[in-house]
Amino acid sequence: MVSNITKMQILRAASHRWVSPEVASRELGFSENSLKCWRDAGYLREGKHWQLKFPLKSSQICYQVEECKKEMDEWWGRKASDIT
């Protein structure tokens, strides 16, 4: 049976991966504490920029790095990677 998944869909899914706070911190160039502060302040929105790994309050947070980068680009009017 031939899959209906295209290479573009695979690439898009790979670029929108959810990662741990440690990995997100390293890839974004900001501390885990900064990410938490921005999340708590509502700058990073649940479901778009971060989510719980499991639907439990004690669950680890995961970040969507590409969406966070896009949001940060808008904050500063330039690429977040240029700031660090």
Protein backbone atom coordinates (compact mmCIF):
# COMPACT_ATOMS: atom_id res chain seq x y z
CA MET A 1 0.00 0.00 0.00
CA VAL A 2 1.36 3.42 -0.96
CA SER A 3 1.41 6.08 1.72
CA ASN A 4 -0.18 9.45 1.04
CA ILE A 5 2.53 11.21 3.04
CA THR A 6 4.69 13.42 0.86
CA LYS A 7 8.30 14.42 1.42
CA MET A 8 7.11 17.96 2.18
CA GLN A 9 4.83 16.68 4.95
CA ILE A 10 7.70 14.70 6.44
CA LEU A 11 10.02 17.72 6.33
CA ARG A 12 7.34 19.97 7.81
CA ALA A 13 6.73 17.51 10.65
CA ALA A 14 10.46 17.21 11.35
CA SER A 15 10.87 20.99 11.54
CA HIS A 16 7.95 21.25 13.99
CA ARG A 17 9.23 18.91 16.64
CA TRP A 18 8.56 19.28 20.35
CA VAL A 19 11.69 19.30 22.52
CA SER A 20 12.64 19.45 26.18
CA PRO A 21 13.30 22.78 27.92
CA GLU A 22 17.02 21.95 27.94
CA VAL A 23 17.13 21.45 24.16
CA ALA A 24 14.90 24.48 23.51
CA SER A 25 17.13 26.62 25.71
CA ARG A 26 20.23 25.55 23.82
CA GLU A 27 18.64 25.98 20.36
CA LEU A 28 17.05 29.35 21.17
CA GLY A 29 20.01 30.73 23.11
CA PHE A 30 18.02 31.67 26.23
CA SER A 31 17.94 30.10 29.68
CA GLU A 32 15.24 27.66 30.71
CA ASN A 33 14.23 30.22 33.34
CA SER A 34 13.71 32.90 30.65
CA LEU A 35 11.52 30.49 28.67
CA LYS A 36 9.50 29.75 31.81
CA CYS A 37 9.08 33.47 32.56
CA TRP A 38 7.88 34.18 29.00
CA ARG A 39 5.54 31.20 29.23
CA ASP A 40 4.15 32.34 32.61
CA ALA A 41 3.69 35.89 31.29
CA GLY A 42 1.74 34.57 28.29
CA TYR A 43 4.28 35.59 25.63
CA LEU A 44 4.74 31.93 24.71
CA ARG A 45 1.30 30.38 24.30
CA GLU A 46 0.26 26.88 25.29
CA GLY A 47 -0.45 24.65 22.30
CA LYS A 48 1.49 26.84 19.87
CA HIS A 49 4.83 27.42 21.60
CA TRP A 50 4.74 24.91 24.45
CA GLN A 51 2.71 22.00 25.77
CA LEU A 52 2.74 19.42 28.51
CA LYS A 53 4.38 16.18 27.45
CA PHE A 54 1.48 14.32 29.08
CA PRO A 55 -1.86 15.76 30.29
CA LEU A 56 -0.72 15.85 33.92
CA LYS A 57 0.12 18.97 35.91
CA SER A 58 3.45 17.42 36.98
CA SER A 59 4.36 16.60 33.37
CA GLN A 60 7.44 18.01 31.70
CA ILE A 61 7.00 21.00 29.38
CA CYS A 62 7.96 20.63 25.73
CA TYR A 63 8.68 23.52 23.39
CA GLN A 64 8.12 23.93 19.67
CA VAL A 65 11.40 25.66 18.79
CA GLU A 66 10.47 26.88 15.30
CA GLU A 67 7.28 28.55 16.54
CA CYS A 68 9.17 30.09 19.46
CA LYS A 69 11.77 31.47 17.04
CA LYS A 70 9.05 33.01 14.88
CA GLU A 71 7.44 34.64 17.92
CA MET A 72 10.78 35.98 19.18
CA ASP A 73 11.56 37.36 15.73
CA GLU A 74 8.36 39.40 15.98
CA TRP A 75 9.24 40.66 19.48
CA TRP A 76 12.55 42.14 18.42
CA GLY A 77 11.90 42.74 14.73
CA ARG A 78 14.80 40.51 13.75
CA LYS A 79 15.91 36.90 13.98
CA ALA A 80 16.22 35.67 17.57
CA SER A 81 19.48 33.95 16.65
CA ASP A 82 21.01 37.36 15.80
CA ILE A 83 20.44 38.53 19.40
CA THR A 84 22.48 35.90 21.16
